[in-house]
Amino acid sequence: MNNELPVSGIQVIDRAVALLDALAREPGPASLKVLSAETGLHPSTAFRILAALSEHDLVGRDGANLYRLGPHLLRLAGRVSVALDLREAARPVMEWLRDQVGESVNLTVREGDQVVYVERAIPNRMMRVEQVIGSRAPLHVTAVGKLMLGEAGKEAIQDYARRCGLPAYTANTRGTERSLLLDIDASMARGYALDDEEAELGVGCIGVLVRDTGGAAVAGLSVSAPMERRRPEWVPLVEEAGRRISERLGYKSSQG
């Protein structure tokens, strides 16, 4: 029995976590009485919290009024596992690419209408492009974001354009549906995309997609550099790095 609740300053969160932990310790479904005893919570309090957790599928309840961990936790655990596997697989390849080009290398994932920077490898030089892990950018102003839109198809691109309005970050931003579609079509045909000062003046990127074992595009890999230093001969290196990471995630190039 463990009656000591963790303290975060938000009591209901502490109690919910205590109940989830108690369920995780049980070899099978548990009764309200057992969970109340394990957590030190009054049965009525435990019942209300378990009911709320059940509404979100964080906890399941069967016909015998026994509780178990819910399927939503499994989905969340899968997302965490994928994110950890992705960063672990990508990091050594990103460092290799950084050393080849001497510029910043970024790993991004899509969340809704944005890309999120989840990993980076930066060079040891004073003047460099540096993205903060956790920062975000709209899909249409980034090289990898345009590829992610391309994966979704023309109708999804049009829906995105109408939904977000394609705000201009610089004079080079693809600010019309037609210009964005043309750019994405060209990028998908050649297998890589460019950001030509579309998100920030003076900064250019080369981006490719990273695929998982099923062939789905799960991330984007890009090199960011001041425009005067960006080189077209980096494209094969970025493509090779994308292939290496994809292979580390189980993707076979013969799939697509």
Foldseek 3Di string as FASTA:
>chain_A
DDQDFDDDPDVLVRLLVLLQVQQVPDPDWAALVSSCVSHVHDSVSSVVSLVVCVVVQQWDADPVRTIHGGPVVVVVVVVVVVLVLLCVLQVVLQQVLCVVQVAKKFKWFDDPQKIFTADIDGHPDDDYDDDDHGDIDGLQQDFVSLQVQVVVPLVSLVVSCVVPQQDFQDPPGQRDSVSSVVQSVVQVVVQWHKRQCRNHPQKMKIKHFAAAQVGDGGIMMMTMGGPVSDDPVSNVSRVVSSVSSNVSRNHDPVVD
